[in-house]
């Protein structure tokens, strides 16, 4: 995968807008917000100006005209270049066709979940599940409100809802497994925190874990599964 000179998704959004017609940055920003694209692409006016400068520097857009109305600041209208059109096709095609590893915050939290006591983890997972469920209800209401919209303009919402629904199912199942005691490694997880809260030194904790759970703990400082 080639390294792009401009890689901010906001840049791709700006290029797709300029494929419709020349625009100035304020019009780009308001159009993205009107279309609710800021739900999927991080947008603020300052970063948009930085993106515009970068696109122009790399020859993907060019100045069409600069106007001034009264005492208002100048407004520069930008147009996409042929190179910009090619960039949209290539970049968007790459994003659609090639899955990439995305390091989400929740995945990072799950990878480190054993650092929390079991009861704390259950409480926090329940809080997350409640928040996700509330968001799903709001999303359903929005989806109903925009039910008459062509589906092609709602795909990102569909995707977000599908990802949320998957996470809701996953978190609910994880909670059931923890509370039913069927999560493998649960005894070791509880024991880690019992030993740590007992006042033992880290070395003593490791020694006891190795003695009690030789299959699951590999050595000092290593509390992950073997194999």
C-alpha atoms as a PDB file:
ATOM      1  CA  UNK A   1       0.000   0.000   0.000  1.00  0.00           C
ATOM      2  CA  UNK A   2       1.563   3.281  -1.117  1.00  0.00           C
ATOM      3  CA  UNK A   3       2.137   6.004   1.477  1.00  0.00           C
ATOM      4  CA  UNK A   4      -0.085   8.957   0.598  1.00  0.00           C
ATOM      5  CA  UNK A   5       1.114  12.545   0.670  1.00  0.00           C
ATOM      6  CA  UNK A   6      -2.239  13.492   2.248  1.00  0.00           C
ATOM      7  CA  UNK A   7      -3.860  10.801   4.403  1.00  0.00           C
ATOM      8  CA  UNK A   8      -6.437  12.621   6.563  1.00  0.00           C
ATOM      9  CA  UNK A   9      -9.965  11.292   5.756  1.00  0.00           C
ATOM     10  CA  UNK A  10     -11.128  14.911   5.880  1.00  0.00           C
ATOM     11  CA  UNK A  11      -8.970  15.539   2.809  1.00  0.00           C
ATOM     12  CA  UNK A  12     -10.800  12.790   0.937  1.00  0.00           C
ATOM     13  CA  UNK A  13     -14.131  14.286   1.972  1.00  0.00           C
ATOM     14  CA  UNK A  14     -13.006  17.713   0.713  1.00  0.00           C
ATOM     15  CA  UNK A  15     -11.936  16.236  -2.617  1.00  0.00           C
ATOM     16  CA  UNK A  16     -15.280  14.470  -3.097  1.00  0.00           C
ATOM     17  CA  UNK A  17     -17.107  17.749  -2.432  1.00  0.00           C
ATOM     18  CA  UNK A  18     -14.969  19.533  -5.009  1.00  0.00           C
ATOM     19  CA  UNK A  19     -15.871  16.859  -7.531  1.00  0.00           C
ATOM     20  CA  UNK A  20     -19.433  18.231  -7.288  1.00  0.00           C
ATOM     21  CA  UNK A  21     -18.441  21.869  -7.809  1.00  0.00           C
ATOM     22  CA  UNK A  22     -15.823  24.438  -6.759  1.00  0.00           C
ATOM     23  CA  UNK A  23     -16.291  25.594  -3.153  1.00  0.00           C
ATOM     24  CA  UNK A  24     -14.655  27.710  -0.486  1.00  0.00           C
ATOM     25  CA  UNK A  25     -13.709  26.059   2.842  1.00  0.00           C
ATOM     26  CA  UNK A  26     -16.682  27.438   4.797  1.00  0.00           C
ATOM     27  CA  UNK A  27     -19.079  25.958   2.235  1.00  0.00           C
ATOM     28  CA  UNK A  28     -17.261  22.623   2.458  1.00  0.00           C
ATOM     29  CA  UNK A  29     -17.570  22.629   6.247  1.00  0.00           C
ATOM     30  CA  UNK A  30     -21.265  23.544   6.262  1.00  0.00           C
ATOM     31  CA  UNK A  31     -22.064  21.007   3.528  1.00  0.00           C
ATOM     32  CA  UNK A  32     -20.349  18.204   5.441  1.00  0.00           C
ATOM     33  CA  UNK A  33     -22.288  19.120   8.565  1.00  0.00           C
ATOM     34  CA  UNK A  34     -25.601  19.404   6.717  1.00  0.00           C
ATOM     35  CA  UNK A  35     -25.013  15.898   5.368  1.00  0.00           C
ATOM     36  CA  UNK A  36     -24.001  14.666   8.842  1.00  0.00           C
ATOM     37  CA  UNK A  37     -20.618  13.537   7.558  1.00  0.00           C
ATOM     38  CA  UNK A  38     -19.072  14.890  10.762  1.00  0.00           C
ATOM     39  CA  UNK A  39     -20.577  11.822  12.475  1.00  0.00           C
ATOM     40  CA  UNK A  40     -18.115   9.692  10.495  1.00  0.00           C
ATOM     41  CA  UNK A  41     -15.224  12.070   9.754  1.00  0.00           C
ATOM     42  CA  UNK A  42     -13.592  14.258  12.401  1.00  0.00           C
ATOM     43  CA  UNK A  43     -14.236  17.836  11.366  1.00  0.00           C
ATOM     44  CA  UNK A  44     -13.227  21.222  12.661  1.00  0.00           C
ATOM     45  CA  UNK A  45     -12.660  24.408  10.716  1.00  0.00           C
ATOM     46  CA  UNK A  46      -8.986  24.786  11.614  1.00  0.00           C
ATOM     47  CA  UNK A  47      -8.086  21.272  10.494  1.00  0.00           C
ATOM     48  CA  UNK A  48     -10.053  21.769   7.272  1.00  0.00           C
ATOM     49  CA  UNK A  49      -7.905  24.789   6.389  1.00  0.00           C
ATOM     50  CA  UNK A  50      -4.761  22.736   7.047  1.00  0.00           C
ATOM     51  CA  UNK A  51      -6.106  19.988   4.806  1.00  0.00           C
ATOM     52  CA  UNK A  52      -6.914  22.492   2.038  1.00  0.00           C
ATOM     53  CA  UNK A  53      -3.384  23.892   2.185  1.00  0.00           C
ATOM     54  CA  UNK A  54      -1.925  20.396   1.956  1.00  0.00           C
ATOM     55  CA  UNK A  55      -4.152  19.424  -0.977  1.00  0.00           C
ATOM     56  CA  UNK A  56      -3.156  22.561  -2.835  1.00  0.00           C
ATOM     57  CA  UNK A  57       0.524  22.074  -2.071  1.00  0.00           C
ATOM     58  CA  UNK A  58       0.379  18.588  -3.586  1.00  0.00           C
ATOM     59  CA  UNK A  59      -1.455  19.747  -6.705  1.00  0.00           C
ATOM     60  CA  UNK A  60      -4.744  17.981  -5.936  1.00  0.00           C
ATOM     61  CA  UNK A  61      -6.750  21.215  -5.853  1.00  0.00           C
ATOM     62  CA  UNK A  62      -6.166  24.728  -7.155  1.00  0.00           C
ATOM     63  CA  UNK A  63      -7.468  28.217  -6.544  1.00  0.00           C
ATOM     64  CA  UNK A  64     -10.300  29.126  -8.884  1.00  0.00           C
ATOM     65  CA  UNK A  65     -11.018  32.612  -7.596  1.00  0.00           C
ATOM     66  CA  UNK A  66     -10.712  34.863  -4.558  1.00  0.00           C
ATOM     67  CA  UNK A  67     -13.571  37.195  -3.664  1.00  0.00           C
ATOM     68  CA  UNK A  68     -14.323  39.761  -0.986  1.00  0.00           C
ATOM     69  CA  UNK A  69     -17.723  41.109   0.066  1.00  0.00           C
ATOM     70  CA  UNK A  70     -17.573  44.447   1.838  1.00  0.00           C
ATOM     71  CA  UNK A  71     -15.451  44.267   4.960  1.00  0.00           C
ATOM     72  CA  UNK A  72     -15.617  40.499   5.184  1.00  0.00           C
ATOM     73  CA  UNK A  73     -12.379  38.496   4.872  1.00  0.00           C
ATOM     74  CA  UNK A  74     -11.411  37.201   1.458  1.00  0.00           C
ATOM     75  CA  UNK A  75     -12.927  33.908   0.399  1.00  0.00           C
ATOM     76  CA  UNK A  76     -10.925  31.591  -1.797  1.00  0.00           C
ATOM     77  CA  UNK A  77     -12.854  29.170  -3.969  1.00  0.00           C
ATOM     78  CA  UNK A  78     -11.032  25.944  -4.780  1.00  0.00           C
ATOM     79  CA  UNK A  79     -11.473  23.506  -7.669  1.00  0.00           C
ATOM     80  CA  UNK A  80     -10.251  19.932  -7.971  1.00  0.00           C
ATOM     81  CA  UNK A  81      -7.479  19.136 -10.472  1.00  0.00           C
ATOM     82  CA  UNK A  82      -7.140  16.080 -12.704  1.00  0.00           C
ATOM     83  CA  UNK A  83      -4.637  14.715 -10.219  1.00  0.00           C
ATOM     84  CA  UNK A  84      -7.265  15.247  -7.526  1.00  0.00           C
ATOM     85  CA  UNK A  85      -9.854  13.247  -9.458  1.00  0.00           C
ATOM     86  CA  UNK A  86      -7.365  10.385  -9.824  1.00  0.00           C
ATOM     87  CA  UNK A  87      -6.535  10.582  -6.134  1.00  0.00           C
ATOM     88  CA  UNK A  88     -10.202  10.243  -5.134  1.00  0.00           C
ATOM     89  CA  UNK A  89     -10.675   7.154  -7.294  1.00  0.00           C
ATOM     90  CA  UNK A  90      -7.459   5.511  -6.112  1.00  0.00           C
ATOM     91  CA  UNK A  91      -7.756   6.446  -2.418  1.00  0.00           C
ATOM     92  CA  UNK A  92     -11.439   5.610  -2.028  1.00  0.00           C
ATOM     93  CA  UNK A  93     -10.964   2.370  -3.941  1.00  0.00           C
ATOM     94  CA  UNK A  94      -8.169   1.398  -1.571  1.00  0.00           C
ATOM     95  CA  UNK A  95     -10.262   2.157   1.529  1.00  0.00           C
ATOM     96  CA  UNK A  96     -13.226   0.164   0.227  1.00  0.00           C
ATOM     97  CA  UNK A  97     -11.275  -2.864  -0.975  1.00  0.00           C
ATOM     98  CA  UNK A  98      -8.512  -3.337   1.612  1.00  0.00           C
ATOM     99  CA  UNK A  99      -9.319  -4.149   5.249  1.00  0.00           C
ATOM    100  CA  UNK A 100      -6.754  -2.682   7.633  1.00  0.00           C
ATOM    101  CA  UNK A 101      -6.097  -3.272  11.303  1.00  0.00           C
ATOM    102  CA  UNK A 102      -7.713  -0.483  13.335  1.00  0.00           C
ATOM    103  CA  UNK A 103      -6.542  -0.131  16.925  1.00  0.00           C
ATOM    104  CA  UNK A 104      -9.707   0.828  18.792  1.00  0.00           C
ATOM    105  CA  UNK A 105      -9.688   2.031  22.380  1.00  0.00           C
ATOM    106  CA  UNK A 106     -12.117  -0.669  23.505  1.00  0.00           C
ATOM    107  CA  UNK A 107      -9.972  -3.426  21.998  1.00  0.00           C
ATOM    108  CA  UNK A 108      -6.989  -1.999  23.883  1.00  0.00           C
ATOM    109  CA  UNK A 109      -9.054  -1.986  27.098  1.00  0.00           C
ATOM    110  CA  UNK A 110     -10.111  -5.614  26.583  1.00  0.00           C
ATOM    111  CA  UNK A 111      -6.490  -6.658  26.068  1.00  0.00           C
ATOM    112  CA  UNK A 112      -5.686  -5.179  29.506  1.00  0.00           C
ATOM    113  CA  UNK A 113      -8.959  -5.997  31.298  1.00  0.00           C
ATOM    114  CA  UNK A 114      -7.302  -8.391  33.767  1.00  0.00           C
ATOM    115  CA  UNK A 115      -5.556  -5.384  35.349  1.00  0.00           C
ATOM    116  CA  UNK A 116      -8.941  -4.497  36.899  1.00  0.00           C
ATOM    117  CA  UNK A 117     -10.526  -6.507  39.713  1.00  0.00           C
ATOM    118  CA  UNK A 118     -13.278  -8.755  38.369  1.00  0.00           C
ATOM    119  CA  UNK A 119     -16.125  -6.944  40.135  1.00  0.00           C
ATOM    120  CA  UNK A 120     -14.904  -3.568  38.872  1.00  0.00           C
ATOM    121  CA  UNK A 121     -14.681  -4.927  35.333  1.00  0.00           C
ATOM    122  CA  UNK A 122     -18.249  -6.254  35.549  1.00  0.00           C
ATOM    123  CA  UNK A 123     -19.546  -2.920  36.834  1.00  0.00           C
ATOM    124  CA  UNK A 124     -17.803  -0.972  34.085  1.00  0.00           C
ATOM    125  CA  UNK A 125     -18.883  -3.380  31.347  1.00  0.00           C
ATOM    126  CA  UNK A 126     -22.472  -3.026  32.532  1.00  0.00           C
ATOM    127  CA  UNK A 127     -22.115   0.756  32.354  1.00  0.00           C
ATOM    128  CA  UNK A 128     -20.788   0.443  28.785  1.00  0.00           C
ATOM    129  CA  UNK A 129     -23.623  -1.889  27.826  1.00  0.00           C
ATOM    130  CA  UNK A 130     -26.205   0.552  29.179  1.00  0.00           C
ATOM    131  CA  UNK A 131     -24.624   3.421  27.230  1.00  0.00           C
ATOM    132  CA  UNK A 132     -24.484   1.391  24.026  1.00  0.00           C
ATOM    133  CA  UNK A 133     -28.107   0.329  24.429  1.00  0.00           C
ATOM    134  CA  UNK A 134     -29.185   3.951  24.894  1.00  0.00           C
ATOM    135  CA  UNK A 135     -27.204   4.975  21.800  1.00  0.00           C
ATOM    136  CA  UNK A 136     -28.849   2.177  19.823  1.00  0.00           C
ATOM    137  CA  UNK A 137     -32.306   3.499  20.750  1.00  0.00           C
ATOM    138  CA  UNK A 138     -31.339   7.014  19.637  1.00  0.00           C
ATOM    139  CA  UNK A 139     -29.900   5.642  16.400  1.00  0.00           C
ATOM    140  CA  UNK A 140     -33.110   3.719  15.713  1.00  0.00           C
ATOM    141  CA  UNK A 141     -35.110   6.935  16.117  1.00  0.00           C
ATOM    142  CA  UNK A 142     -32.785   8.769  13.721  1.00  0.00           C
ATOM    143  CA  UNK A 143     -32.994   5.931  11.230  1.00  0.00           C
ATOM    144  CA  UNK A 144     -36.773   6.095  11.339  1.00  0.00           C
ATOM    145  CA  UNK A 145     -36.671   9.862  10.840  1.00  0.00           C
ATOM    146  CA  UNK A 146     -34.558   9.462   7.700  1.00  0.00           C
ATOM    147  CA  UNK A 147     -36.307   6.324   6.434  1.00  0.00           C
ATOM    148  CA  UNK A 148     -37.266   8.065   3.187  1.00  0.00           C
ATOM    149  CA  UNK A 149     -33.645   8.927   2.340  1.00  0.00           C
ATOM    150  CA  UNK A 150     -31.978   6.901  -0.430  1.00  0.00           C
ATOM    151  CA  UNK A 151     -29.990   4.101   1.181  1.00  0.00           C
ATOM    152  CA  UNK A 152     -26.783   5.110  -0.598  1.00  0.00           C
ATOM    153  CA  UNK A 153     -26.630   8.226   1.601  1.00  0.00           C
ATOM    154  CA  UNK A 154     -27.162   6.262   4.837  1.00  0.00           C
ATOM    155  CA  UNK A 155     -24.543   3.522   4.476  1.00  0.00           C
ATOM    156  CA  UNK A 156     -22.212   4.913   7.121  1.00  0.00           C
ATOM    157  CA  UNK A 157     -25.132   4.970   9.578  1.00  0.00           C
ATOM    158  CA  UNK A 158     -25.964   1.366   8.731  1.00  0.00           C
ATOM    159  CA  UNK A 159     -22.363   0.381   9.336  1.00  0.00           C
ATOM    160  CA  UNK A 160     -22.144   2.249  12.642  1.00  0.00           C
ATOM    161  CA  UNK A 161     -25.380   0.649  13.825  1.00  0.00           C
ATOM    162  CA  UNK A 162     -24.201  -2.821  12.799  1.00  0.00           C
ATOM    163  CA  UNK A 163     -20.904  -2.348  14.664  1.00  0.00           C
ATOM    164  CA  UNK A 164     -22.750  -1.096  17.741  1.00  0.00           C
ATOM    165  CA  UNK A 165     -25.189  -4.019  17.663  1.00  0.00           C
ATOM    166  CA  UNK A 166     -22.273  -6.451  17.404  1.00  0.00           C
ATOM    167  CA  UNK A 167     -20.560  -4.805  20.364  1.00  0.00           C
ATOM    168  CA  UNK A 168     -23.768  -4.918  22.411  1.00  0.00           C
ATOM    169  CA  UNK A 169     -24.048  -8.661  21.799  1.00  0.00           C
ATOM    170  CA  UNK A 170     -20.384  -9.213  22.585  1.00  0.00           C
ATOM    171  CA  UNK A 171     -20.400  -7.235  25.847  1.00  0.00           C
ATOM    172  CA  UNK A 172     -23.645  -8.887  26.990  1.00  0.00           C
ATOM    173  CA  UNK A 173     -22.214 -12.369  26.297  1.00  0.00           C
ATOM    174  CA  UNK A 174     -18.931 -11.498  28.036  1.00  0.00           C
ATOM    175  CA  UNK A 175     -20.832 -10.335  31.115  1.00  0.00           C
ATOM    176  CA  UNK A 176     -22.896 -13.536  31.143  1.00  0.00           C
ATOM    177  CA  UNK A 177     -19.735 -15.661  30.944  1.00  0.00           C
ATOM    178  CA  UNK A 178     -18.049 -13.761  33.781  1.00  0.00           C
ATOM    179  CA  UNK A 179     -21.107 -13.842  36.040  1.00  0.00           C
ATOM    180  CA  UNK A 180     -21.809 -17.514  35.293  1.00  0.00           C
ATOM    181  CA  UNK A 181     -18.187 -18.380  36.052  1.00  0.00           C
ATOM    182  CA  UNK A 182     -17.672 -19.932  32.617  1.00  0.00           C
ATOM    183  CA  UNK A 183     -14.969 -17.514  31.425  1.00  0.00           C
ATOM    184  CA  UNK A 184     -11.753 -19.530  31.254  1.00  0.00           C
ATOM    185  CA  UNK A 185      -9.035 -17.997  33.407  1.00  0.00           C
ATOM    186  CA  UNK A 186     -11.582 -16.358  35.723  1.00  0.00           C
ATOM    187  CA  UNK A 187     -10.201 -18.052  38.867  1.00  0.00           C
ATOM    188  CA  UNK A 188      -6.705 -16.881  38.052  1.00  0.00           C
ATOM    189  CA  UNK A 189      -7.980 -13.372  37.338  1.00  0.00           C
ATOM    190  CA  UNK A 190      -9.651 -13.200  40.754  1.00  0.00           C
ATOM    191  CA  UNK A 191      -6.621 -14.703  42.465  1.00  0.00           C
ATOM    192  CA  UNK A 192      -4.237 -12.126  40.996  1.00  0.00           C
ATOM    193  CA  UNK A 193      -6.116  -9.327  42.686  1.00  0.00           C
ATOM    194  CA  UNK A 194      -6.601 -11.229  45.936  1.00  0.00           C
ATOM    195  CA  UNK A 195      -2.854 -11.748  46.179  1.00  0.00           C
ATOM    196  CA  UNK A 196      -2.016  -8.177  45.174  1.00  0.00           C
ATOM    197  CA  UNK A 197      -4.390  -6.775  47.810  1.00  0.00           C
ATOM    198  CA  UNK A 198      -2.952  -9.049  50.521  1.00  0.00           C
ATOM    199  CA  UNK A 199       0.264  -7.054  50.821  1.00  0.00           C
ATOM    200  CA  UNK A 200       2.543  -9.615  49.171  1.00  0.00           C
ATOM    201  CA  UNK A 201       5.465  -8.386  47.093  1.00  0.00           C
ATOM    202  CA  UNK A 202       5.255  -8.698  43.277  1.00  0.00           C
ATOM    203  CA  UNK A 203       7.745 -11.579  43.409  1.00  0.00           C
ATOM    204  CA  UNK A 204       5.650 -13.420  46.002  1.00  0.00           C
ATOM    205  CA  UNK A 205       2.508 -12.855  43.948  1.00  0.00           C
ATOM    206  CA  UNK A 206       4.223 -14.286  40.850  1.00  0.00           C
ATOM    207  CA  UNK A 207       5.485 -17.313  42.786  1.00  0.00           C
ATOM    208  CA  UNK A 208       2.045 -18.132  44.150  1.00  0.00           C
ATOM    209  CA  UNK A 209       0.407 -17.705  40.728  1.00  0.00           C
ATOM    210  CA  UNK A 210       2.974 -20.021  39.160  1.00  0.00           C
ATOM    211  CA  UNK A 211       2.338 -22.612  41.858  1.00  0.00           C
ATOM    212  CA  UNK A 212      -1.455 -22.395  41.729  1.00  0.00           C
ATOM    213  CA  UNK A 213      -1.950 -21.874  37.977  1.00  0.00           C
ATOM    214  CA  UNK A 214       1.095 -23.358  36.212  1.00  0.00           C
ATOM    215  CA  UNK A 215      -0.763 -23.713  32.915  1.00  0.00           C
ATOM    216  CA  UNK A 216      -1.937 -20.102  32.763  1.00  0.00           C
ATOM    217  CA  UNK A 217       1.003 -18.089  34.108  1.00  0.00           C
ATOM    218  CA  UNK A 218       4.456 -18.308  32.588  1.00  0.00           C
ATOM    219  CA  UNK A 219       6.706 -16.421  34.956  1.00  0.00           C
ATOM    220  CA  UNK A 220       7.464 -13.137  36.773  1.00  0.00           C
ATOM    221  CA  UNK A 221       5.510 -10.248  35.301  1.00  0.00           C
ATOM    222  CA  UNK A 222       3.857 -12.519  32.760  1.00  0.00           C
ATOM    223  CA  UNK A 223       0.161 -13.018  33.459  1.00  0.00           C
ATOM    224  CA  UNK A 224      -1.028 -13.980  30.016  1.00  0.00           C
ATOM    225  CA  UNK A 225      -2.054 -17.417  28.758  1.00  0.00           C
ATOM    226  CA  UNK A 226       0.517 -19.948  27.697  1.00  0.00           C
ATOM    227  CA  UNK A 227       0.444 -21.304  24.134  1.00  0.00           C
END
